[in-house]
C-alpha atoms as a PDB file:
ATOM      1  CA  MET A   1    -122.190 -76.368  88.933  1.00  0.00           C
ATOM      2  CA  ILE A   2    -120.311 -78.851  86.732  1.00  0.00           C
ATOM      3  CA  ARG A   3    -117.188 -80.655  87.857  1.00  0.00           C
ATOM      4  CA  ILE A   4    -114.716 -82.324  85.536  1.00  0.00           C
ATOM      5  CA  THR A   5    -112.891 -85.010  87.495  1.00  0.00           C
ATOM      6  CA  GLY A   6    -109.810 -86.866  86.364  1.00  0.00           C
ATOM      7  CA  THR A   7    -108.925 -89.895  88.482  1.00  0.00           C
ATOM      8  CA  TYR A   8    -105.742 -91.938  88.356  1.00  0.00           C
ATOM      9  CA  ARG A   9    -105.991 -95.661  89.184  1.00  0.00           C
ATOM     10  CA  TRP A  10    -102.889 -97.581  90.172  1.00  0.00           C
ATOM     11  CA  ILE A  11    -101.511-100.297  87.899  1.00  0.00           C
ATOM     12  CA  LYS A  12     -98.494-102.548  88.391  1.00  0.00           C
ATOM     13  CA  GLY A  13     -95.317-100.699  87.423  1.00  0.00           C
ATOM     14  CA  ALA A  14     -96.916 -97.248  87.582  1.00  0.00           C
ATOM     15  CA  HIS A  15     -95.191 -94.069  88.673  1.00  0.00           C
ATOM     16  CA  PHE A  16     -96.765 -90.799  89.766  1.00  0.00           C
ATOM     17  CA  ASP A  17     -94.946 -87.567  90.634  1.00  0.00           C
ATOM     18  CA  HIS A  18     -97.316 -85.830  93.068  1.00  0.00           C
ATOM     19  CA  HIS A  19     -95.039 -82.805  93.368  1.00  0.00           C
ATOM     20  CA  TYR A  20     -95.170 -82.119  89.613  1.00  0.00           C
ATOM     21  CA  PHE A  21     -98.923 -82.861  89.534  1.00  0.00           C
ATOM     22  CA  ASN A  22     -99.654 -80.379  92.338  1.00  0.00           C
ATOM     23  CA  SER A  23     -97.304 -77.662  91.121  1.00  0.00           C
ATOM     24  CA  SER A  24     -96.484 -77.582  87.420  1.00  0.00           C
ATOM     25  CA  HIS A  25     -99.505 -79.480  86.057  1.00  0.00           C
ATOM     26  CA  ALA A  26    -101.907 -77.564  88.298  1.00  0.00           C
ATOM     27  CA  ARG A  27    -100.382 -74.267  87.127  1.00  0.00           C
ATOM     28  CA  ILE A  28    -100.666 -75.306  83.462  1.00  0.00           C
ATOM     29  CA  THR A  29    -104.270 -76.350  84.043  1.00  0.00           C
ATOM     30  CA  VAL A  30    -105.237 -73.073  85.715  1.00  0.00           C
ATOM     31  CA  GLU A  31    -103.519 -71.067  82.974  1.00  0.00           C
ATOM     32  CA  ALA A  32    -105.263 -73.063  80.229  1.00  0.00           C
ATOM     33  CA  LEU A  33    -108.732 -73.062  81.778  1.00  0.00           C
ATOM     34  CA  SER A  34    -108.989 -69.671  83.510  1.00  0.00           C
ATOM     35  CA  GLU A  35    -110.127 -67.853  80.380  1.00  0.00           C
ATOM     36  CA  LEU A  36    -112.426 -70.769  79.530  1.00  0.00           C
ATOM     37  CA  GLY A  37    -114.622 -70.414  82.613  1.00  0.00           C
ATOM     38  CA  LEU A  38    -112.709 -72.273  85.327  1.00  0.00           C
ATOM     39  CA  ILE A  39    -114.163 -71.408  88.739  1.00  0.00           C
ATOM     40  CA  ARG A  40    -111.914 -73.541  90.947  1.00  0.00           C
ATOM     41  CA  LEU A  41    -109.301 -76.288  90.621  1.00  0.00           C
ATOM     42  CA  GLU A  42    -108.596 -78.912  93.275  1.00  0.00           C
ATOM     43  CA  THR A  43    -106.063 -81.733  93.277  1.00  0.00           C
ATOM     44  CA  ASP A  44    -106.143 -84.762  95.544  1.00  0.00           C
ATOM     45  CA  ARG A  45    -103.363 -87.034  96.729  1.00  0.00           C
ATOM     46  CA  VAL A  46    -105.052 -90.070  98.206  1.00  0.00           C
ATOM     47  CA  LEU A  47    -103.530 -90.927 101.565  1.00  0.00           C
ATOM     48  CA  ALA A  48    -102.993 -94.600 102.276  1.00  0.00           C
ATOM     49  CA  THR A  49    -101.242 -96.567 104.960  1.00  0.00           C
ATOM     50  CA  SER A  50     -99.916 -99.151 102.514  1.00  0.00           C
ATOM     51  CA  THR A  51     -98.687 -99.505  98.947  1.00  0.00           C
ATOM     52  CA  PRO A  52    -101.556 -98.997  96.516  1.00  0.00           C
ATOM     53  CA  GLU A  53    -103.147-102.063  95.000  1.00  0.00           C
ATOM     54  CA  VAL A  54    -104.133-102.381  91.359  1.00  0.00           C
ATOM     55  CA  GLY A  55    -107.256-100.288  90.746  1.00  0.00           C
ATOM     56  CA  ASP A  56    -106.849 -98.012  93.786  1.00  0.00           C
ATOM     57  CA  ILE A  57    -107.344 -94.333  93.034  1.00  0.00           C
ATOM     58  CA  ILE A  58    -104.105 -92.577  93.990  1.00  0.00           C
ATOM     59  CA  ALA A  59    -104.805 -89.046  92.757  1.00  0.00           C
ATOM     60  CA  ALA A  60    -107.541 -86.887  91.275  1.00  0.00           C
ATOM     61  CA  THR A  61    -108.138 -83.443  89.898  1.00  0.00           C
ATOM     62  CA  HIS A  62    -111.407 -81.517  89.979  1.00  0.00           C
ATOM     63  CA  ALA A  63    -112.130 -78.517  87.762  1.00  0.00           C
ATOM     64  CA  TYR A  64    -115.358 -76.589  88.405  1.00  0.00           C
ATOM     65  CA  PHE A  65    -117.394 -74.694  85.801  1.00  0.00           C
ATOM     66  CA  ALA A  66    -120.724 -72.845  85.806  1.00  0.00           C
ATOM     67  CA  ASN A  67    -122.518 -75.182  83.394  1.00  0.00           C
ATOM     68  CA  VAL A  68    -122.040 -78.193  81.153  1.00  0.00           C
ATOM     69  CA  GLU A  69    -121.667 -76.140  77.961  1.00  0.00           C
ATOM     70  CA  VAL A  70    -118.768 -74.145  79.433  1.00  0.00           C
ATOM     71  CA  ALA A  71    -117.133 -77.338  80.781  1.00  0.00           C
ATOM     72  CA  GLN A  72    -117.420 -79.144  77.444  1.00  0.00           C
ATOM     73  CA  THR A  73    -116.025 -76.150  75.559  1.00  0.00           C
ATOM     74  CA  ALA A  74    -113.094 -75.948  77.991  1.00  0.00           C
ATOM     75  CA  LEU A  75    -112.371 -79.657  77.485  1.00  0.00           C
ATOM     76  CA  ALA A  76    -112.526 -79.288  73.711  1.00  0.00           C
ATOM     77  CA  LYS A  77    -110.205 -76.285  73.662  1.00  0.00           C
ATOM     78  CA  ALA A  78    -107.657 -77.260  76.334  1.00  0.00           C
ATOM     79  CA  GLY A  79    -107.948 -81.035  76.633  1.00  0.00           C
ATOM     80  CA  ALA A  80    -105.147 -81.890  74.205  1.00  0.00           C
ATOM     81  CA  LEU A  81    -102.741 -79.455  75.894  1.00  0.00           C
ATOM     82  CA  LEU A  82    -103.479 -80.881  79.337  1.00  0.00           C
ATOM     83  CA  MET A  83    -103.264 -84.503  78.186  1.00  0.00           C
ATOM     84  CA  ALA A  84     -99.899 -83.785  76.527  1.00  0.00           C
ATOM     85  CA  ASP A  85     -98.501 -82.875  79.962  1.00  0.00           C
ATOM     86  CA  VAL A  86     -99.638 -86.098  81.691  1.00  0.00           C
ATOM     87  CA  SER A  87     -96.508 -88.022  80.677  1.00  0.00           C
ATOM     88  CA  ASN A  88     -94.435 -85.495  82.660  1.00  0.00           C
ATOM     89  CA  TYR A  89     -95.797 -86.866  85.951  1.00  0.00           C
ATOM     90  CA  THR A  90     -97.232 -90.341  85.354  1.00  0.00           C
ATOM     91  CA  ASN A  91     -97.606 -93.287  83.024  1.00  0.00           C
ATOM     92  CA  LEU A  92    -101.234 -93.674  84.144  1.00  0.00           C
ATOM     93  CA  LYS A  93    -104.113 -92.563  81.932  1.00  0.00           C
ATOM     94  CA  PRO A  94    -106.647 -90.333  83.693  1.00  0.00           C
ATOM     95  CA  ASP A  95    -110.298 -91.343  83.641  1.00  0.00           C
ATOM     96  CA  ILE A  96    -112.243 -88.149  82.874  1.00  0.00           C
ATOM     97  CA  ARG A  97    -115.844 -87.689  84.086  1.00  0.00           C
ATOM     98  CA  LEU A  98    -118.262 -84.774  84.111  1.00  0.00           C
ATOM     99  CA  SER A  99    -120.739 -84.491  86.937  1.00  0.00           C
ATOM    100  CA  GLU A 100    -123.286 -82.060  88.228  1.00  0.00           C
ATOM    101  CA  THR A 101    -122.451 -81.031  91.770  1.00  0.00           C
ATOM    102  CA  THR A 102    -124.665 -79.652  94.506  1.00  0.00           C
ATOM    103  CA  VAL A 103    -123.217 -77.755  97.440  1.00  0.00           C
ATOM    104  CA  HIS A 104    -124.846 -78.464 100.803  1.00  0.00           C
ATOM    105  CA  ASP A 105    -124.274 -76.132 103.706  1.00  0.00           C
ATOM    106  CA  SER A 106    -123.297 -78.223 106.736  1.00  0.00           C
ATOM    107  CA  ALA A 107    -125.446 -75.969 108.958  1.00  0.00           C
ATOM    108  CA  LEU A 108    -128.493 -77.218 107.039  1.00  0.00           C
ATOM    109  CA  ILE A 109    -127.740 -80.924 107.429  1.00  0.00           C
END
């Protein structure tokens, strides 16, 4: 399985609307990627006990696809649409990474 991860690292003067990210942006993402092979979408709000420091990851999104070809095609077809929405919830630029994921059953560990 291939996971596309977008992480958001804090910078001085940043803003991030987690409500918009987890509602509107997630909906737009699912709508854009569902017909392009999206298996599952997850969003993370990093919990911290203090104000984030420069470089801290404050949020992430994870989109899962069957293989790298499907993931790359989805990025090529929907990437511009999804990036155009980023300014609606943050002034941070997401760092996008593709990774191969392996699921491990906790009963086997």
